[in-house]
Amino acid sequence: MNDRDLRFTLEQAQRALPAEGAERWSEVFRRGTLRVGLYAPRGEDRQQPHRQDELYVVMAGRGRFERAGERVPFGPGDVLFVPAGVCHRFLDFSDDLAVWVVFYGVEGGEA
């Protein structure tokens, strides 16, 4: 997909996910510092802190989200924010977890 595309569907992104492995990620759009993708981990979320600020938009699934030691429940429709460089992960999540991920801004995060 490119910056001429107007719409990105969940189904398109799901088809682009790797079939195997816990870290299932597909990028659907990139322009400047902005990257949008679908993240659908299975089993365990082993991601590391990222260099940009990020938003997660929960499309499917439920569980708990941990950011810098604080834990909150999440479900479809929730939006989760993580500043650049902060440890975070999905915990105790259902097998259907799928979240849009939006990375944006300068490395190190915005003030």
N, C-alpha and C. Protein backbone atom coordinates (compact mmCIF):
# COMPACT_ATOMS: atom_id res chain seq x y z
N MET A 1 0.84 -1.17 0.00
CA MET A 1 0.00 0.00 0.00
C MET A 1 0.88 1.23 0.00
N ASN A 2 0.35 2.32 -0.51
CA ASN A 2 1.16 3.54 -0.58
C ASN A 2 0.33 4.75 -0.18
N ASP A 3 0.94 5.94 -0.24
CA ASP A 3 0.26 7.13 0.25
C ASP A 3 -0.86 7.60 -0.68
N ARG A 4 -1.04 6.94 -1.81
CA ARG A 4 -2.18 7.25 -2.68
C ARG A 4 -3.43 6.48 -2.24
N ASP A 5 -3.23 5.42 -1.46
CA ASP A 5 -4.36 4.63 -0.98
C ASP A 5 -5.16 5.46 0.03
N LEU A 6 -6.46 5.37 -0.08
CA LEU A 6 -7.35 6.13 0.79
C LEU A 6 -7.78 5.32 2.00
N ARG A 7 -7.85 4.01 1.83
CA ARG A 7 -8.41 3.15 2.87
C ARG A 7 -7.55 1.91 3.04
N PHE A 8 -7.38 1.50 4.31
CA PHE A 8 -6.64 0.29 4.64
C PHE A 8 -7.57 -0.57 5.49
N THR A 9 -7.87 -1.76 5.05
CA THR A 9 -8.82 -2.60 5.79
C THR A 9 -8.10 -3.56 6.72
N LEU A 10 -8.82 -3.95 7.75
CA LEU A 10 -8.30 -4.94 8.68
C LEU A 10 -8.04 -6.25 7.95
N GLU A 11 -8.91 -6.62 7.04
CA GLU A 11 -8.75 -7.87 6.28
C GLU A 11 -7.48 -7.86 5.44
N GLN A 12 -7.19 -6.74 4.77
CA GLN A 12 -5.95 -6.64 3.99
C GLN A 12 -4.73 -6.82 4.88
N ALA A 13 -4.73 -6.16 6.01
CA ALA A 13 -3.60 -6.24 6.92
C ALA A 13 -3.46 -7.65 7.50
N GLN A 14 -4.57 -8.30 7.82
CA GLN A 14 -4.51 -9.66 8.35
C GLN A 14 -3.94 -10.63 7.33
N ARG A 15 -4.29 -10.46 6.07
CA ARG A 15 -3.74 -11.34 5.02
C ARG A 15 -2.23 -11.17 4.88
N ALA A 16 -1.72 -10.01 5.22
CA ALA A 16 -0.28 -9.74 5.08
C ALA A 16 0.52 -10.19 6.30
N LEU A 17 -0.14 -10.62 7.38
CA LEU A 17 0.57 -11.07 8.58
C LEU A 17 1.35 -12.35 8.31
N PRO A 18 2.53 -12.50 8.90
CA PRO A 18 3.22 -13.79 8.82
C PRO A 18 2.36 -14.86 9.47
N ALA A 19 2.35 -16.05 8.92
CA ALA A 19 1.51 -17.13 9.43
C ALA A 19 2.04 -17.71 10.74
N GLU A 20 3.33 -17.69 10.91
CA GLU A 20 3.96 -18.33 12.08
C GLU A 20 4.64 -17.30 12.96
N GLY A 21 4.89 -17.72 14.20
CA GLY A 21 5.67 -16.89 15.13
C GLY A 21 4.79 -16.01 15.99
N ALA A 22 5.30 -15.68 17.16
CA ALA A 22 4.56 -14.86 18.12
C ALA A 22 4.49 -13.41 17.68
N GLU A 23 5.53 -12.91 17.02
CA GLU A 23 5.58 -11.50 16.63
C GLU A 23 4.99 -11.32 15.23
N ARG A 24 3.70 -11.24 15.15
CA ARG A 24 3.02 -11.09 13.86
C ARG A 24 2.71 -9.63 13.63
N TRP A 25 3.35 -9.04 12.60
CA TRP A 25 3.25 -7.62 12.30
C TRP A 25 3.20 -7.43 10.80
N SER A 26 2.32 -6.57 10.34
CA SER A 26 2.33 -6.19 8.92
C SER A 26 2.16 -4.69 8.82
N GLU A 27 3.06 -4.04 8.12
CA GLU A 27 2.98 -2.60 7.91
C GLU A 27 2.10 -2.33 6.70
N VAL A 28 1.15 -1.41 6.85
CA VAL A 28 0.24 -1.13 5.74
C VAL A 28 0.45 0.26 5.14
N PHE A 29 1.12 1.14 5.88
CA PHE A 29 1.28 2.52 5.38
C PHE A 29 2.49 3.16 6.01
N ARG A 30 3.21 3.95 5.20
CA ARG A 30 4.36 4.70 5.70
C ARG A 30 4.43 6.02 4.92
N ARG A 31 4.62 7.10 5.66
CA ARG A 31 4.83 8.42 5.04
C ARG A 31 5.54 9.29 6.05
N GLY A 32 6.73 9.77 5.70
CA GLY A 32 7.51 10.56 6.63
C GLY A 32 7.80 9.75 7.89
N THR A 33 7.50 10.32 9.04
CA THR A 33 7.74 9.62 10.31
C THR A 33 6.58 8.71 10.69
N LEU A 34 5.48 8.77 9.95
CA LEU A 34 4.30 7.99 10.29
C LEU A 34 4.37 6.59 9.70
N ARG A 35 4.10 5.58 10.56
CA ARG A 35 3.98 4.19 10.11
C ARG A 35 2.73 3.62 10.75
N VAL A 36 1.94 2.90 9.97
CA VAL A 36 0.73 2.26 10.46
C VAL A 36 0.81 0.78 10.11
N GLY A 37 0.47 -0.06 11.07
CA GLY A 37 0.50 -1.49 10.81
C GLY A 37 -0.46 -2.23 11.72
N LEU A 38 -0.55 -3.52 11.48
CA LEU A 38 -1.37 -4.39 12.30
C LEU A 38 -0.45 -5.30 13.09
N TYR A 39 -0.71 -5.40 14.40
CA TYR A 39 0.05 -6.28 15.27
C TYR A 39 -0.93 -7.29 15.85
N ALA A 40 -0.62 -8.56 15.70
CA ALA A 40 -1.49 -9.63 16.18
C ALA A 40 -0.64 -10.75 16.78
N PRO A 41 -0.05 -10.50 17.96
CA PRO A 41 0.81 -11.52 18.57
C PRO A 41 0.01 -12.75 18.97
N ARG A 42 0.69 -13.86 19.05
CA ARG A 42 0.07 -15.10 19.51
C ARG A 42 0.94 -15.68 20.62
N GLY A 43 0.31 -16.09 21.70
CA GLY A 43 1.04 -16.70 22.81
C GLY A 43 1.63 -15.68 23.76
N GLU A 44 2.72 -15.05 23.38
CA GLU A 44 3.43 -14.11 24.24
C GLU A 44 3.83 -12.88 23.44
N ASP A 45 3.74 -11.73 24.07
CA ASP A 45 4.17 -10.47 23.45
C ASP A 45 5.57 -10.16 23.95
N ARG A 46 6.55 -10.27 23.06
CA ARG A 46 7.96 -10.08 23.45
C ARG A 46 8.56 -8.80 22.90
N GLN A 47 7.73 -7.85 22.54
CA GLN A 47 8.28 -6.64 21.93
C GLN A 47 9.14 -5.83 22.89
N GLN A 48 10.01 -5.03 22.33
CA GLN A 48 10.91 -4.16 23.07
C GLN A 48 10.45 -2.72 22.90
N PRO A 49 10.92 -1.80 23.75
CA PRO A 49 10.55 -0.39 23.59
C PRO A 49 10.93 0.11 22.20
N HIS A 50 10.12 1.04 21.71
CA HIS A 50 10.31 1.59 20.37
C HIS A 50 10.88 3.01 20.46
N ARG A 51 11.47 3.47 19.37
CA ARG A 51 12.14 4.77 19.36
C ARG A 51 11.18 5.92 19.08
N GLN A 52 9.94 5.61 18.71
CA GLN A 52 8.94 6.64 18.44
C GLN A 52 7.76 6.47 19.40
N ASP A 53 6.99 7.55 19.58
CA ASP A 53 5.72 7.43 20.29
C ASP A 53 4.82 6.51 19.48
N GLU A 54 3.87 5.86 20.17
CA GLU A 54 2.97 4.97 19.45
C GLU A 54 1.59 4.91 20.08
N LEU A 55 0.61 4.65 19.23
CA LEU A 55 -0.76 4.42 19.65
C LEU A 55 -1.16 3.02 19.20
N TYR A 56 -1.90 2.34 20.04
CA TYR A 56 -2.53 1.08 19.68
C TYR A 56 -4.03 1.32 19.66
N VAL A 57 -4.71 0.84 18.63
CA VAL A 57 -6.16 0.86 18.56
C VAL A 57 -6.60 -0.59 18.53
N VAL A 58 -7.27 -1.04 19.58
CA VAL A 58 -7.65 -2.44 19.71
C VAL A 58 -8.84 -2.73 18.80
N MET A 59 -8.63 -3.63 17.85
CA MET A 59 -9.69 -4.01 16.91
C MET A 59 -10.43 -5.26 17.39
N ALA A 60 -9.69 -6.20 17.97
CA ALA A 60 -10.28 -7.46 18.46
C ALA A 60 -9.43 -7.95 19.62
N GLY A 61 -10.08 -8.67 20.52
CA GLY A 61 -9.36 -9.29 21.62
C GLY A 61 -9.48 -8.52 22.92
N ARG A 62 -9.12 -9.20 23.98
CA ARG A 62 -9.15 -8.63 25.33
C ARG A 62 -7.94 -9.13 26.09
N GLY A 63 -7.58 -8.41 27.13
CA GLY A 63 -6.48 -8.81 27.98
C GLY A 63 -6.09 -7.67 28.89
N ARG A 64 -4.81 -7.66 29.25
CA ARG A 64 -4.26 -6.58 30.06
C ARG A 64 -3.07 -5.99 29.31
N PHE A 65 -2.86 -4.70 29.48
CA PHE A 65 -1.74 -4.01 28.85
C PHE A 65 -0.88 -3.43 29.95
N GLU A 66 0.44 -3.66 29.83
CA GLU A 66 1.38 -3.14 30.81
C GLU A 66 2.27 -2.09 30.17
N ARG A 67 2.36 -0.95 30.84
CA ARG A 67 3.24 0.13 30.39
C ARG A 67 3.98 0.65 31.61
N ALA A 68 5.30 0.50 31.61
CA ALA A 68 6.15 0.99 32.71
C ALA A 68 5.65 0.50 34.06
N GLY A 69 5.23 -0.79 34.12
CA GLY A 69 4.81 -1.39 35.37
C GLY A 69 3.34 -1.19 35.72
N GLU A 70 2.65 -0.29 35.05
CA GLU A 70 1.22 -0.07 35.29
C GLU A 70 0.42 -0.98 34.36
N ARG A 71 -0.61 -1.64 34.89
CA ARG A 71 -1.42 -2.57 34.09
C ARG A 71 -2.87 -2.10 34.04
N VAL A 72 -3.45 -2.19 32.83
CA VAL A 72 -4.86 -1.84 32.65
C VAL A 72 -5.52 -2.89 31.77
N PRO A 73 -6.82 -3.15 31.97
CA PRO A 73 -7.53 -4.05 31.06
C PRO A 73 -7.80 -3.33 29.75
N PHE A 74 -7.94 -4.10 28.66
CA PHE A 74 -8.28 -3.51 27.37
C PHE A 74 -9.26 -4.41 26.64
N GLY A 75 -9.95 -3.81 25.68
CA GLY A 75 -10.88 -4.53 24.83
C GLY A 75 -11.10 -3.77 23.54
N PRO A 76 -11.93 -4.31 22.63
CA PRO A 76 -12.16 -3.67 21.33
C PRO A 76 -12.60 -2.22 21.48
N GLY A 77 -11.99 -1.37 20.67
CA GLY A 77 -12.31 0.05 20.67
C GLY A 77 -11.41 0.88 21.55
N ASP A 78 -10.63 0.26 22.43
CA ASP A 78 -9.74 1.01 23.30
C ASP A 78 -8.53 1.52 22.52
N VAL A 79 -8.00 2.66 22.98
CA VAL A 79 -6.78 3.24 22.43
C VAL A 79 -5.76 3.30 23.56
N LEU A 80 -4.56 2.81 23.30
CA LEU A 80 -3.49 2.77 24.29
C LEU A 80 -2.31 3.59 23.78
N PHE A 81 -1.74 4.43 24.61
CA PHE A 81 -0.61 5.28 24.23
C PHE A 81 0.66 4.83 24.94
N VAL A 82 1.77 4.82 24.19
CA VAL A 82 3.08 4.48 24.77
C VAL A 82 4.10 5.51 24.28
N PRO A 83 4.71 6.26 25.21
CA PRO A 83 5.77 7.18 24.81
C PRO A 83 7.00 6.41 24.32
N ALA A 84 7.77 7.03 23.48
CA ALA A 84 9.00 6.42 22.97
C ALA A 84 9.88 5.96 24.12
N GLY A 85 10.49 4.77 23.96
CA GLY A 85 11.46 4.26 24.91
C GLY A 85 10.90 3.61 26.16
N VAL A 86 9.58 3.54 26.30
CA VAL A 86 8.96 2.99 27.51
C VAL A 86 8.65 1.50 27.30
N CYS A 87 8.99 0.67 28.29
CA CYS A 87 8.70 -0.76 28.24
C CYS A 87 7.18 -0.97 28.28
N HIS A 88 6.69 -1.88 27.44
CA HIS A 88 5.26 -2.17 27.38
C HIS A 88 5.03 -3.53 26.76
N ARG A 89 3.84 -4.11 27.02
CA ARG A 89 3.48 -5.38 26.41
C ARG A 89 2.04 -5.73 26.71
N PHE A 90 1.50 -6.61 25.88
CA PHE A 90 0.17 -7.16 26.10
C PHE A 90 0.32 -8.42 26.94
N LEU A 91 -0.55 -8.57 27.93
CA LEU A 91 -0.51 -9.71 28.85
C LEU A 91 -1.86 -10.42 28.87
N ASP A 92 -1.83 -11.72 29.09
CA ASP A 92 -3.06 -12.51 29.26
C ASP A 92 -4.11 -12.18 28.21
N PHE A 93 -3.68 -12.09 26.96
CA PHE A 93 -4.59 -11.66 25.89
C PHE A 93 -5.23 -12.85 25.19
N SER A 94 -6.40 -12.61 24.62
CA SER A 94 -7.13 -13.65 23.90
C SER A 94 -6.46 -13.96 22.57
N ASP A 95 -6.77 -15.13 22.02
CA ASP A 95 -6.14 -15.60 20.79
C ASP A 95 -6.49 -14.78 19.56
N ASP A 96 -7.50 -13.93 19.66
CA ASP A 96 -7.91 -13.13 18.49
C ASP A 96 -7.37 -11.70 18.54
N LEU A 97 -6.40 -11.41 19.42
CA LEU A 97 -5.90 -10.05 19.56
C LEU A 97 -5.40 -9.51 18.22
N ALA A 98 -5.91 -8.33 17.85
CA ALA A 98 -5.46 -7.60 16.65
C ALA A 98 -5.56 -6.11 16.96
N VAL A 99 -4.44 -5.40 16.82
CA VAL A 99 -4.41 -3.97 17.12
C VAL A 99 -3.74 -3.21 15.98
N TRP A 100 -4.36 -2.08 15.60
CA TRP A 100 -3.67 -1.16 14.71
C TRP A 100 -2.58 -0.49 15.54
N VAL A 101 -1.41 -0.32 14.97
CA VAL A 101 -0.31 0.36 15.64
C VAL A 101 0.06 1.57 14.79
N VAL A 102 0.16 2.72 15.44
CA VAL A 102 0.54 3.95 14.77
C VAL A 102 1.81 4.47 15.43
N PHE A 103 2.92 4.43 14.70
CA PHE A 103 4.19 5.03 15.14
C PHE A 103 4.29 6.40 14.49
N TYR A 104 4.73 7.39 15.25
CA TYR A 104 4.81 8.74 14.68
C TYR A 104 5.84 9.58 15.42
N GLY A 105 6.26 10.64 14.76
CA GLY A 105 7.13 11.65 15.38
C GLY A 105 8.59 11.31 15.32
N VAL A 106 9.35 12.16 15.97
CA VAL A 106 10.81 12.05 15.98
C VAL A 106 11.26 10.93 16.90
N GLU A 107 12.45 10.40 16.65
CA GLU A 107 13.02 9.41 17.55
C GLU A 107 13.19 10.04 18.92
N GLY A 108 12.83 9.29 19.95
CA GLY A 108 12.88 9.80 21.31
C GLY A 108 11.55 10.38 21.77
N GLY A 109 10.59 10.50 20.84
CA GLY A 109 9.26 10.98 21.20
C GLY A 109 9.11 12.48 21.12
N GLU A 110 7.87 12.90 21.17
CA GLU A 110 7.55 14.32 21.13
C GLU A 110 7.33 14.82 22.53
N ALA A 111 7.58 16.10 22.73
CA ALA A 111 7.40 16.72 24.05
C ALA A 111 5.96 17.15 24.26
